[in-house]
Amino acid sequence: ERAAFEGGMARLLLPEKALASLLDYSLSWHLYEVLRRPGTGLQQLCSPSGDGGRVEAFERAAVLISNYAAQLEAQGDWQWAVYVLMDARRDPLLRGLINAEYIVRDILTRHS
């Protein structure tokens, strides 16, 4: 199952697999949000196993989240960018990969 995730499902989260634009992360983020919820099987696929697969999956998720937040801010939806970043803080594995507090403070400073 892990090989199926790393080889296939993880690639589904790339924007070029979902939309024509390489810079539109919206559908990829929403798909990730659905898949990471309990009961979807993603938790088991990304469970600790001692190998680099789990780390790589969460690094990809961190990049996806950061890029989607940047896209939202660039579109003028900075409040939603804050939501996306703060929502990522709920996951302890992502918390170490995304410095959400710093990024949110930066966004709030720019838009206050």
PDB file of N, CA and C in Angstrom:
ATOM      1  N   GLU A   1       0.819  -1.198   0.000  1.00  0.00           N
ATOM      2  CA  GLU A   1       0.000   0.000   0.000  1.00  0.00           C
ATOM      3  C   GLU A   1       0.861   1.259   0.000  1.00  0.00           C
ATOM      4  N   ARG A   2       1.953   1.213   0.758  1.00  0.00           N
ATOM      5  CA  ARG A   2       2.819   2.396   0.824  1.00  0.00           C
ATOM      6  C   ARG A   2       3.386   2.731  -0.551  1.00  0.00           C
ATOM      7  N   ALA A   3       3.787   1.713  -1.295  1.00  0.00           N
ATOM      8  CA  ALA A   3       4.326   1.949  -2.634  1.00  0.00           C
ATOM      9  C   ALA A   3       3.264   2.563  -3.532  1.00  0.00           C
ATOM     10  N   ALA A   4       2.023   2.136  -3.365  1.00  0.00           N
ATOM     11  CA  ALA A   4       0.931   2.712  -4.163  1.00  0.00           C
ATOM     12  C   ALA A   4       0.746   4.179  -3.832  1.00  0.00           C
ATOM     13  N   PHE A   5       0.884   4.532  -2.549  1.00  0.00           N
ATOM     14  CA  PHE A   5       0.732   5.932  -2.160  1.00  0.00           C
ATOM     15  C   PHE A   5       1.872   6.770  -2.717  1.00  0.00           C
ATOM     16  N   GLU A   6       3.084   6.335  -2.449  1.00  0.00           N
ATOM     17  CA  GLU A   6       4.239   7.127  -2.864  1.00  0.00           C
ATOM     18  C   GLU A   6       4.341   7.221  -4.376  1.00  0.00           C
ATOM     19  N   GLY A   7       3.964   6.165  -5.066  1.00  0.00           N
ATOM     20  CA  GLY A   7       4.086   6.172  -6.509  1.00  0.00           C
ATOM     21  C   GLY A   7       2.901   6.809  -7.211  1.00  0.00           C
ATOM     22  N   GLY A   8       1.711   6.680  -6.651  1.00  0.00           N
ATOM     23  CA  GLY A   8       0.530   7.151  -7.351  1.00  0.00           C
ATOM     24  C   GLY A   8      -0.225   8.246  -6.632  1.00  0.00           C
ATOM     25  N   MET A   9      -0.672   7.968  -5.403  1.00  0.00           N
ATOM     26  CA  MET A   9      -1.517   8.933  -4.702  1.00  0.00           C
ATOM     27  C   MET A   9      -0.795  10.229  -4.401  1.00  0.00           C
ATOM     28  N   ALA A  10       0.476  10.155  -4.022  1.00  0.00           N
ATOM     29  CA  ALA A  10       1.211  11.377  -3.709  1.00  0.00           C
ATOM     30  C   ALA A  10       1.305  12.276  -4.937  1.00  0.00           C
ATOM     31  N   ARG A  11       1.440  11.655  -6.109  1.00  0.00           N
ATOM     32  CA  ARG A  11       1.519  12.455  -7.343  1.00  0.00           C
ATOM     33  C   ARG A  11       0.190  13.128  -7.671  1.00  0.00           C
ATOM     34  N   LEU A  12      -0.909  12.574  -7.178  1.00  0.00           N
ATOM     35  CA  LEU A  12      -2.208  13.216  -7.400  1.00  0.00           C
ATOM     36  C   LEU A  12      -2.272  14.592  -6.761  1.00  0.00           C
ATOM     37  N   LEU A  13      -1.475  14.803  -5.745  1.00  0.00           N
ATOM     38  CA  LEU A  13      -1.502  16.076  -5.041  1.00  0.00           C
ATOM     39  C   LEU A  13      -0.714  17.169  -5.752  1.00  0.00           C
ATOM     40  N   LEU A  14      -0.017  16.819  -6.799  1.00  0.00           N
ATOM     41  CA  LEU A  14       0.725  17.823  -7.565  1.00  0.00           C
ATOM     42  C   LEU A  14      -0.246  18.600  -8.447  1.00  0.00           C
ATOM     43  N   PRO A  15      -0.102  19.924  -8.511  1.00  0.00           N
ATOM     44  CA  PRO A  15      -1.054  20.731  -9.276  1.00  0.00           C
ATOM     45  C   PRO A  15      -1.147  20.354 -10.747  1.00  0.00           C
ATOM     46  N   GLU A  16      -0.048  19.941 -11.351  1.00  0.00           N
ATOM     47  CA  GLU A  16      -0.093  19.615 -12.780  1.00  0.00           C
ATOM     48  C   GLU A  16      -0.920  18.363 -13.049  1.00  0.00           C
ATOM     49  N   LYS A  17      -1.207  17.569 -12.017  1.00  0.00           N
ATOM     50  CA  LYS A  17      -2.043  16.387 -12.189  1.00  0.00           C
ATOM     51  C   LYS A  17      -3.523  16.726 -12.081  1.00  0.00           C
ATOM     52  N   ALA A  18      -3.839  17.865 -11.476  1.00  0.00           N
ATOM     53  CA  ALA A  18      -5.237  18.210 -11.222  1.00  0.00           C
ATOM     54  C   ALA A  18      -5.764  19.301 -12.144  1.00  0.00           C
ATOM     55  N   LEU A  19      -4.929  20.265 -12.480  1.00  0.00           N
ATOM     56  CA  LEU A  19      -5.367  21.425 -13.255  1.00  0.00           C
ATOM     57  C   LEU A  19      -4.351  21.738 -14.343  1.00  0.00           C
ATOM     58  N   ALA A  20      -4.746  22.562 -15.268  1.00  0.00           N
ATOM     59  CA  ALA A  20      -3.856  22.941 -16.358  1.00  0.00           C
ATOM     60  C   ALA A  20      -2.716  23.840 -15.873  1.00  0.00           C
ATOM     61  N   SER A  21      -2.955  24.607 -14.802  1.00  0.00           N
ATOM     62  CA  SER A  21      -1.952  25.536 -14.302  1.00  0.00           C
ATOM     63  C   SER A  21      -1.049  24.861 -13.273  1.00  0.00           C
ATOM     64  N   LEU A  22       0.252  25.020 -13.454  1.00  0.00           N
ATOM     65  CA  LEU A  22       1.208  24.477 -12.492  1.00  0.00           C
ATOM     66  C   LEU A  22       1.235  25.274 -11.195  1.00  0.00           C
ATOM     67  N   LEU A  23       0.629  26.451 -11.199  1.00  0.00           N
ATOM     68  CA  LEU A  23       0.674  27.317 -10.029  1.00  0.00           C
ATOM     69  C   LEU A  23      -0.646  27.371  -9.269  1.00  0.00           C
ATOM     70  N   ASP A  24      -1.624  26.561  -9.642  1.00  0.00           N
ATOM     71  CA  ASP A  24      -2.910  26.550  -8.950  1.00  0.00           C
ATOM     72  C   ASP A  24      -2.959  25.331  -8.032  1.00  0.00           C
ATOM     73  N   TYR A  25      -2.856  25.601  -6.748  1.00  0.00           N
ATOM     74  CA  TYR A  25      -2.802  24.530  -5.754  1.00  0.00           C
ATOM     75  C   TYR A  25      -4.155  24.273  -5.109  1.00  0.00           C
ATOM     76  N   SER A  26      -5.210  24.924  -5.546  1.00  0.00           N
ATOM     77  CA  SER A  26      -6.493  24.833  -4.849  1.00  0.00           C
ATOM     78  C   SER A  26      -7.067  23.420  -4.838  1.00  0.00           C
ATOM     79  N   LEU A  27      -7.200  22.803  -5.979  1.00  0.00           N
ATOM     80  CA  LEU A  27      -7.781  21.462  -6.024  1.00  0.00           C
ATOM     81  C   LEU A  27      -6.881  20.454  -5.315  1.00  0.00           C
ATOM     82  N   SER A  28      -5.585  20.591  -5.473  1.00  0.00           N
ATOM     83  CA  SER A  28      -4.647  19.684  -4.803  1.00  0.00           C
ATOM     84  C   SER A  28      -4.782  19.783  -3.290  1.00  0.00           C
ATOM     85  N   TRP A  29      -4.921  21.012  -2.765  1.00  0.00           N
ATOM     86  CA  TRP A  29      -5.061  21.190  -1.319  1.00  0.00           C
ATOM     87  C   TRP A  29      -6.378  20.596  -0.831  1.00  0.00           C
ATOM     88  N   HIS A  30      -7.457  20.840  -1.552  1.00  0.00           N
ATOM     89  CA  HIS A  30      -8.747  20.291  -1.126  1.00  0.00           C
ATOM     90  C   HIS A  30      -8.737  18.759  -1.158  1.00  0.00           C
ATOM     91  N   LEU A  31      -8.119  18.178  -2.160  1.00  0.00           N
ATOM     92  CA  LEU A  31      -7.997  16.726  -2.224  1.00  0.00           C
ATOM     93  C   LEU A  31      -7.171  16.214  -1.045  1.00  0.00           C
ATOM     94  N   TYR A  32      -6.075  16.884  -0.747  1.00  0.00           N
ATOM     95  CA  TYR A  32      -5.255  16.503   0.398  1.00  0.00           C
ATOM     96  C   TYR A  32      -6.068  16.570   1.689  1.00  0.00           C
ATOM     97  N   GLU A  33      -6.855  17.623   1.849  1.00  0.00           N
ATOM     98  CA  GLU A  33      -7.667  17.776   3.060  1.00  0.00           C
ATOM     99  C   GLU A  33      -8.654  16.624   3.217  1.00  0.00           C
ATOM    100  N   VAL A  34      -9.267  16.198   2.131  1.00  0.00           N
ATOM    101  CA  VAL A  34     -10.209  15.078   2.193  1.00  0.00           C
ATOM    102  C   VAL A  34      -9.462  13.790   2.545  1.00  0.00           C
ATOM    103  N   LEU A  35      -8.323  13.575   1.914  1.00  0.00           N
ATOM    104  CA  LEU A  35      -7.587  12.333   2.110  1.00  0.00           C
ATOM    105  C   LEU A  35      -6.939  12.221   3.492  1.00  0.00           C
ATOM    106  N   ARG A  36      -6.649  13.334   4.125  1.00  0.00           N
ATOM    107  CA  ARG A  36      -5.962  13.247   5.421  1.00  0.00           C
ATOM    108  C   ARG A  36      -6.911  13.065   6.588  1.00  0.00           C
ATOM    109  N   ARG A  37      -8.193  13.122   6.359  1.00  0.00           N
ATOM    110  CA  ARG A  37      -9.162  12.947   7.435  1.00  0.00           C
ATOM    111  C   ARG A  37      -9.185  11.500   7.912  1.00  0.00           C
ATOM    112  N   PRO A  38      -9.502  11.299   9.183  1.00  0.00           N
ATOM    113  CA  PRO A  38      -9.565   9.931   9.711  1.00  0.00           C
ATOM    114  C   PRO A  38     -10.541   9.065   8.919  1.00  0.00           C
ATOM    115  N   GLY A  39     -10.151   7.812   8.758  1.00  0.00           N
ATOM    116  CA  GLY A  39     -11.008   6.862   8.067  1.00  0.00           C
ATOM    117  C   GLY A  39     -10.806   6.793   6.566  1.00  0.00           C
ATOM    118  N   THR A  40      -9.927   7.630   6.029  1.00  0.00           N
ATOM    119  CA  THR A  40      -9.715   7.626   4.575  1.00  0.00           C
ATOM    120  C   THR A  40      -8.572   6.717   4.152  1.00  0.00           C
ATOM    121  N   GLY A  41      -7.791   6.249   5.088  1.00  0.00           N
ATOM    122  CA  GLY A  41      -6.683   5.367   4.754  1.00  0.00           C
ATOM    123  C   GLY A  41      -5.355   6.092   4.613  1.00  0.00           C
ATOM    124  N   LEU A  42      -5.363   7.408   4.479  1.00  0.00           N
ATOM    125  CA  LEU A  42      -4.109   8.141   4.316  1.00  0.00           C
ATOM    126  C   LEU A  42      -3.265   8.055   5.589  1.00  0.00           C
ATOM    127  N   GLN A  43      -3.923   8.068   6.737  1.00  0.00           N
ATOM    128  CA  GLN A  43      -3.177   7.990   7.995  1.00  0.00           C
ATOM    129  C   GLN A  43      -2.368   6.705   8.080  1.00  0.00           C
ATOM    130  N   GLN A  44      -2.954   5.586   7.649  1.00  0.00           N
ATOM    131  CA  GLN A  44      -2.227   4.320   7.681  1.00  0.00           C
ATOM    132  C   GLN A  44      -1.076   4.330   6.681  1.00  0.00           C
ATOM    133  N   LEU A  45      -1.310   4.928   5.529  1.00  0.00           N
ATOM    134  CA  LEU A  45      -0.266   4.967   4.506  1.00  0.00           C
ATOM    135  C   LEU A  45       0.905   5.839   4.924  1.00  0.00           C
ATOM    136  N   CYS A  46       0.635   6.826   5.773  1.00  0.00           N
ATOM    137  CA  CYS A  46       1.680   7.749   6.203  1.00  0.00           C
ATOM    138  C   CYS A  46       2.122   7.473   7.637  1.00  0.00           C
ATOM    139  N   SER A  47       1.752   6.323   8.181  1.00  0.00           N
ATOM    140  CA  SER A  47       2.107   6.023   9.560  1.00  0.00           C
ATOM    141  C   SER A  47       3.611   5.811   9.683  1.00  0.00           C
ATOM    142  N   PRO A  48       4.155   6.060  10.885  1.00  0.00           N
ATOM    143  CA  PRO A  48       5.594   5.893  11.068  1.00  0.00           C
ATOM    144  C   PRO A  48       6.046   4.476  10.733  1.00  0.00           C
ATOM    145  N   SER A  49       7.078   4.371   9.932  1.00  0.00           N
ATOM    146  CA  SER A  49       7.572   3.051   9.570  1.00  0.00           C
ATOM    147  C   SER A  49       9.090   2.985   9.614  1.00  0.00           C
ATOM    148  N   GLY A  50       9.716   4.081   9.980  1.00  0.00           N
ATOM    149  CA  GLY A  50      11.169   4.083  10.062  1.00  0.00           C
ATOM    150  C   GLY A  50      11.862   4.412   8.757  1.00  0.00           C
ATOM    151  N   ASP A  51      11.118   4.489   7.663  1.00  0.00           N
ATOM    152  CA  ASP A  51      11.772   4.816   6.391  1.00  0.00           C
ATOM    153  C   ASP A  51      11.482   6.265   6.016  1.00  0.00           C
ATOM    154  N   GLY A  52      12.061   6.698   4.931  1.00  0.00           N
ATOM    155  CA  GLY A  52      11.899   8.085   4.519  1.00  0.00           C
ATOM    156  C   GLY A  52      10.603   8.378   3.797  1.00  0.00           C
ATOM    157  N   GLY A  53       9.797   7.366   3.514  1.00  0.00           N
ATOM    158  CA  GLY A  53       8.556   7.578   2.777  1.00  0.00           C
ATOM    159  C   GLY A  53       7.585   8.490   3.494  1.00  0.00           C
ATOM    160  N   ARG A  54       7.429   8.289   4.803  1.00  0.00           N
ATOM    161  CA  ARG A  54       6.512   9.118   5.580  1.00  0.00           C
ATOM    162  C   ARG A  54       6.999  10.557   5.599  1.00  0.00           C
ATOM    163  N   VAL A  55       8.279  10.733   5.825  1.00  0.00           N
ATOM    164  CA  VAL A  55       8.850  12.079   5.880  1.00  0.00           C
ATOM    165  C   VAL A  55       8.663  12.781   4.544  1.00  0.00           C
ATOM    166  N   GLU A  56       8.932  12.072   3.456  1.00  0.00           N
ATOM    167  CA  GLU A  56       8.772  12.672   2.133  1.00  0.00           C
ATOM    168  C   GLU A  56       7.315  13.063   1.872  1.00  0.00           C
ATOM    169  N   ALA A  57       6.375  12.225   2.284  1.00  0.00           N
ATOM    170  CA  ALA A  57       4.954  12.526   2.084  1.00  0.00           C
ATOM    171  C   ALA A  57       4.574  13.794   2.834  1.00  0.00           C
ATOM    172  N   PHE A  58       5.052  13.934   4.067  1.00  0.00           N
ATOM    173  CA  PHE A  58       4.708  15.123   4.838  1.00  0.00           C
ATOM    174  C   PHE A  58       5.474  16.351   4.359  1.00  0.00           C
ATOM    175  N   GLU A  59       6.672  16.168   3.824  1.00  0.00           N
ATOM    176  CA  GLU A  59       7.381  17.300   3.224  1.00  0.00           C
ATOM    177  C   GLU A  59       6.628  17.805   2.005  1.00  0.00           C
ATOM    178  N   ARG A  60       6.113  16.885   1.184  1.00  0.00           N
ATOM    179  CA  ARG A  60       5.305  17.298   0.029  1.00  0.00           C
ATOM    180  C   ARG A  60       4.044  18.029   0.476  1.00  0.00           C
ATOM    181  N   ALA A  61       3.424  17.520   1.535  1.00  0.00           N
ATOM    182  CA  ALA A  61       2.221  18.174   2.056  1.00  0.00           C
ATOM    183  C   ALA A  61       2.555  19.575   2.561  1.00  0.00           C
ATOM    184  N   ALA A  62       3.687  19.734   3.225  1.00  0.00           N
ATOM    185  CA  ALA A  62       4.089  21.045   3.730  1.00  0.00           C
ATOM    186  C   ALA A  62       4.310  22.025   2.586  1.00  0.00           C
ATOM    187  N   VAL A  63       4.925  21.569   1.510  1.00  0.00           N
ATOM    188  CA  VAL A  63       5.131  22.426   0.335  1.00  0.00           C
ATOM    189  C   VAL A  63       3.785  22.791  -0.282  1.00  0.00           C
ATOM    190  N   LEU A  64       2.900  21.821  -0.401  1.00  0.00           N
ATOM    191  CA  LEU A  64       1.563  22.068  -0.946  1.00  0.00           C
ATOM    192  C   LEU A  64       0.830  23.121  -0.115  1.00  0.00           C
ATOM    193  N   ILE A  65       0.842  22.973   1.191  1.00  0.00           N
ATOM    194  CA  ILE A  65       0.147  23.912   2.083  1.00  0.00           C
ATOM    195  C   ILE A  65       0.754  25.304   1.981  1.00  0.00           C
ATOM    196  N   SER A  66       2.064  25.391   2.017  1.00  0.00           N
ATOM    197  CA  SER A  66       2.729  26.703   1.925  1.00  0.00           C
ATOM    198  C   SER A  66       2.437  27.383   0.597  1.00  0.00           C
ATOM    199  N   ASN A  67       2.488  26.618  -0.488  1.00  0.00           N
ATOM    200  CA  ASN A  67       2.215  27.200  -1.805  1.00  0.00           C
ATOM    201  C   ASN A  67       0.760  27.627  -1.948  1.00  0.00           C
ATOM    202  N   TYR A  68      -0.161  26.843  -1.394  1.00  0.00           N
ATOM    203  CA  TYR A  68      -1.569  27.225  -1.478  1.00  0.00           C
ATOM    204  C   TYR A  68      -1.833  28.485  -0.654  1.00  0.00           C
ATOM    205  N   ALA A  69      -1.219  28.584   0.506  1.00  0.00           N
ATOM    206  CA  ALA A  69      -1.374  29.798   1.316  1.00  0.00           C
ATOM    207  C   ALA A  69      -0.828  31.020   0.568  1.00  0.00           C
ATOM    208  N   ALA A  70       0.319  30.859  -0.088  1.00  0.00           N
ATOM    209  CA  ALA A  70       0.885  31.962  -0.872  1.00  0.00           C
ATOM    210  C   ALA A  70      -0.034  32.327  -2.034  1.00  0.00           C
ATOM    211  N   GLN A  71      -0.621  31.324  -2.678  1.00  0.00           N
ATOM    212  CA  GLN A  71      -1.555  31.579  -3.780  1.00  0.00           C
ATOM    213  C   GLN A  71      -2.771  32.357  -3.281  1.00  0.00           C
ATOM    214  N   LEU A  72      -3.320  31.942  -2.155  1.00  0.00           N
ATOM    215  CA  LEU A  72      -4.483  32.633  -1.604  1.00  0.00           C
ATOM    216  C   LEU A  72      -4.153  34.081  -1.264  1.00  0.00           C
ATOM    217  N   GLU A  73      -3.009  34.308  -0.660  1.00  0.00           N
ATOM    218  CA  GLU A  73      -2.630  35.681  -0.329  1.00  0.00           C
ATOM    219  C   GLU A  73      -2.446  36.518  -1.588  1.00  0.00           C
ATOM    220  N   ALA A  74      -1.831  35.959  -2.598  1.00  0.00           N
ATOM    221  CA  ALA A  74      -1.623  36.685  -3.853  1.00  0.00           C
ATOM    222  C   ALA A  74      -2.948  37.032  -4.529  1.00  0.00           C
ATOM    223  N   GLN A  75      -3.955  36.199  -4.334  1.00  0.00           N
ATOM    224  CA  GLN A  75      -5.294  36.456  -4.900  1.00  0.00           C
ATOM    225  C   GLN A  75      -6.077  37.464  -4.075  1.00  0.00           C
ATOM    226  N   GLY A  76      -5.539  37.863  -2.919  1.00  0.00           N
ATOM    227  CA  GLY A  76      -6.243  38.786  -2.048  1.00  0.00           C
ATOM    228  C   GLY A  76      -7.038  38.085  -0.951  1.00  0.00           C
ATOM    229  N   ASP A  77      -6.982  36.787  -0.909  1.00  0.00           N
ATOM    230  CA  ASP A  77      -7.708  36.014   0.106  1.00  0.00           C
ATOM    231  C   ASP A  77      -6.787  35.672   1.270  1.00  0.00           C
ATOM    232  N   TRP A  78      -6.175  36.705   1.857  1.00  0.00           N
ATOM    233  CA  TRP A  78      -5.193  36.475   2.906  1.00  0.00           C
ATOM    234  C   TRP A  78      -5.800  35.848   4.151  1.00  0.00           C
ATOM    235  N   GLN A  79      -7.099  36.104   4.424  1.00  0.00           N
ATOM    236  CA  GLN A  79      -7.737  35.491   5.581  1.00  0.00           C
ATOM    237  C   GLN A  79      -7.783  33.970   5.424  1.00  0.00           C
ATOM    238  N   TRP A  80      -8.040  33.508   4.206  1.00  0.00           N
ATOM    239  CA  TRP A  80      -8.059  32.071   3.940  1.00  0.00           C
ATOM    240  C   TRP A  80      -6.647  31.491   3.993  1.00  0.00           C
ATOM    241  N   ALA A  81      -5.662  32.275   3.615  1.00  0.00           N
ATOM    242  CA  ALA A  81      -4.271  31.821   3.733  1.00  0.00           C
ATOM    243  C   ALA A  81      -3.926  31.571   5.200  1.00  0.00           C
ATOM    244  N   VAL A  82      -4.376  32.466   6.068  1.00  0.00           N
ATOM    245  CA  VAL A  82      -4.164  32.283   7.508  1.00  0.00           C
ATOM    246  C   VAL A  82      -4.865  31.011   7.980  1.00  0.00           C
ATOM    247  N   TYR A  83      -6.089  30.793   7.514  1.00  0.00           N
ATOM    248  CA  TYR A  83      -6.819  29.582   7.895  1.00  0.00           C
ATOM    249  C   TYR A  83      -6.057  28.321   7.474  1.00  0.00           C
ATOM    250  N   VAL A  84      -5.601  28.282   6.241  1.00  0.00           N
ATOM    251  CA  VAL A  84      -4.891  27.105   5.726  1.00  0.00           C
ATOM    252  C   VAL A  84      -3.649  26.826   6.573  1.00  0.00           C
ATOM    253  N   LEU A  85      -2.911  27.855   6.897  1.00  0.00           N
ATOM    254  CA  LEU A  85      -1.689  27.676   7.689  1.00  0.00           C
ATOM    255  C   LEU A  85      -2.000  27.240   9.121  1.00  0.00           C
ATOM    256  N   MET A  86      -3.001  27.847   9.729  1.00  0.00           N
ATOM    257  CA  MET A  86      -3.337  27.478  11.095  1.00  0.00           C
ATOM    258  C   MET A  86      -3.954  26.086  11.157  1.00  0.00           C
ATOM    259  N   ASP A  87      -4.688  25.703  10.135  1.00  0.00           N
ATOM    260  CA  ASP A  87      -5.256  24.355  10.082  1.00  0.00           C
ATOM    261  C   ASP A  87      -4.140  23.310  10.029  1.00  0.00           C
ATOM    262  N   ALA A  88      -3.063  23.613   9.344  1.00  0.00           N
ATOM    263  CA  ALA A  88      -1.946  22.675   9.240  1.00  0.00           C
ATOM    264  C   ALA A  88      -1.291  22.435  10.594  1.00  0.00           C
ATOM    265  N   ARG A  89      -1.411  23.393  11.503  1.00  0.00           N
ATOM    266  CA  ARG A  89      -0.808  23.251  12.833  1.00  0.00           C
ATOM    267  C   ARG A  89      -1.440  22.123  13.635  1.00  0.00           C
ATOM    268  N   ARG A  90      -2.644  21.690  13.264  1.00  0.00           N
ATOM    269  CA  ARG A  90      -3.301  20.608  14.011  1.00  0.00           C
ATOM    270  C   ARG A  90      -2.554  19.293  13.875  1.00  0.00           C
ATOM    271  N   ASP A  91      -1.788  19.145  12.813  1.00  0.00           N
ATOM    272  CA  ASP A  91      -1.050  17.909  12.579  1.00  0.00           C
ATOM    273  C   ASP A  91       0.355  18.059  13.154  1.00  0.00           C
ATOM    274  N   PRO A  92       0.690  17.280  14.181  1.00  0.00           N
ATOM    275  CA  PRO A  92       2.011  17.446  14.802  1.00  0.00           C
ATOM    276  C   PRO A  92       3.177  17.203  13.842  1.00  0.00           C
ATOM    277  N   LEU A  93       2.998  16.351  12.852  1.00  0.00           N
ATOM    278  CA  LEU A  93       4.078  16.101  11.891  1.00  0.00           C
ATOM    279  C   LEU A  93       4.303  17.292  10.980  1.00  0.00           C
ATOM    280  N   LEU A  94       3.228  17.987  10.626  1.00  0.00           N
ATOM    281  CA  LEU A  94       3.367  19.172   9.774  1.00  0.00           C
ATOM    282  C   LEU A  94       3.860  20.367  10.574  1.00  0.00           C
ATOM    283  N   ARG A  95       3.533  20.403  11.855  1.00  0.00           N
ATOM    284  CA  ARG A  95       3.912  21.528  12.697  1.00  0.00           C
ATOM    285  C   ARG A  95       5.425  21.758  12.670  1.00  0.00           C
ATOM    286  N   GLY A  96       6.193  20.674  12.592  1.00  0.00           N
ATOM    287  CA  GLY A  96       7.638  20.808  12.551  1.00  0.00           C
ATOM    288  C   GLY A  96       8.179  21.210  11.186  1.00  0.00           C
ATOM    289  N   LEU A  97       7.349  21.093  10.153  1.00  0.00           N
ATOM    290  CA  LEU A  97       7.805  21.403   8.795  1.00  0.00           C
ATOM    291  C   LEU A  97       7.378  22.792   8.325  1.00  0.00           C
ATOM    292  N   ILE A  98       6.324  23.327   8.920  1.00  0.00           N
ATOM    293  CA  ILE A  98       5.817  24.643   8.525  1.00  0.00           C
ATOM    294  C   ILE A  98       5.844  25.550   9.746  1.00  0.00           C
ATOM    295  N   ASN A  99       6.519  26.663   9.648  1.00  0.00           N
ATOM    296  CA  ASN A  99       6.536  27.641  10.732  1.00  0.00           C
ATOM    297  C   ASN A  99       5.336  28.567  10.557  1.00  0.00           C
ATOM    298  N   ALA A 100       4.156  28.012  10.823  1.00  0.00           N
ATOM    299  CA  ALA A 100       2.902  28.717  10.538  1.00  0.00           C
ATOM    300  C   ALA A 100       2.775  30.021  11.317  1.00  0.00           C
ATOM    301  N   GLU A 101       3.186  30.023  12.580  1.00  0.00           N
ATOM    302  CA  GLU A 101       3.040  31.233  13.389  1.00  0.00           C
ATOM    303  C   GLU A 101       3.806  32.401  12.778  1.00  0.00           C
ATOM    304  N   TYR A 102       5.015  32.142  12.355  1.00  0.00           N
ATOM    305  CA  TYR A 102       5.834  33.190  11.751  1.00  0.00           C
ATOM    306  C   TYR A 102       5.205  33.685  10.448  1.00  0.00           C
ATOM    307  N   ILE A 103       4.763  32.760   9.615  1.00  0.00           N
ATOM    308  CA  ILE A 103       4.166  33.137   8.329  1.00  0.00           C
ATOM    309  C   ILE A 103       2.867  33.910   8.546  1.00  0.00           C
ATOM    310  N   VAL A 104       2.054  33.468   9.502  1.00  0.00           N
ATOM    311  CA  VAL A 104       0.791  34.159   9.787  1.00  0.00           C
ATOM    312  C   VAL A 104       1.060  35.566  10.306  1.00  0.00           C
ATOM    313  N   ARG A 105       2.021  35.716  11.203  1.00  0.00           N
ATOM    314  CA  ARG A 105       2.363  37.064  11.686  1.00  0.00           C
ATOM    315  C   ARG A 105       2.798  37.961  10.527  1.00  0.00           C
ATOM    316  N   ASP A 106       3.568  37.396   9.618  1.00  0.00           N
ATOM    317  CA  ASP A 106       4.029  38.140   8.449  1.00  0.00           C
ATOM    318  C   ASP A 106       2.842  38.574   7.579  1.00  0.00           C
ATOM    319  N   ILE A 107       1.900  37.669   7.345  1.00  0.00           N
ATOM    320  CA  ILE A 107       0.708  37.994   6.547  1.00  0.00           C
ATOM    321  C   ILE A 107      -0.110  39.073   7.242  1.00  0.00           C
ATOM    322  N   LEU A 108      -0.328  38.912   8.536  1.00  0.00           N
ATOM    323  CA  LEU A 108      -1.118  39.893   9.280  1.00  0.00           C
ATOM    324  C   LEU A 108      -0.448  41.262   9.284  1.00  0.00           C
ATOM    325  N   THR A 109       0.864  41.300   9.365  1.00  0.00           N
ATOM    326  CA  THR A 109       1.596  42.571   9.315  1.00  0.00           C
ATOM    327  C   THR A 109       1.400  43.252   7.962  1.00  0.00           C
ATOM    328  N   ARG A 110       1.462  42.472   6.893  1.00  0.00           N
ATOM    329  CA  ARG A 110       1.293  43.050   5.561  1.00  0.00           C
ATOM    330  C   ARG A 110      -0.125  43.562   5.308  1.00  0.00           C
ATOM    331  N   HIS A 111      -1.110  42.976   5.959  1.00  0.00           N
ATOM    332  CA  HIS A 111      -2.497  43.324   5.658  1.00  0.00           C
ATOM    333  C   HIS A 111      -3.200  44.066   6.788  1.00  0.00           C
ATOM    334  N   SER A 112      -2.449  44.581   7.740  1.00  0.00           N
ATOM    335  CA  SER A 112      -3.094  45.325   8.814  1.00  0.00           C
ATOM    336  C   SER A 112      -3.005  46.818   8.586  1.00  0.00           C
TER     337      SER A 112
END
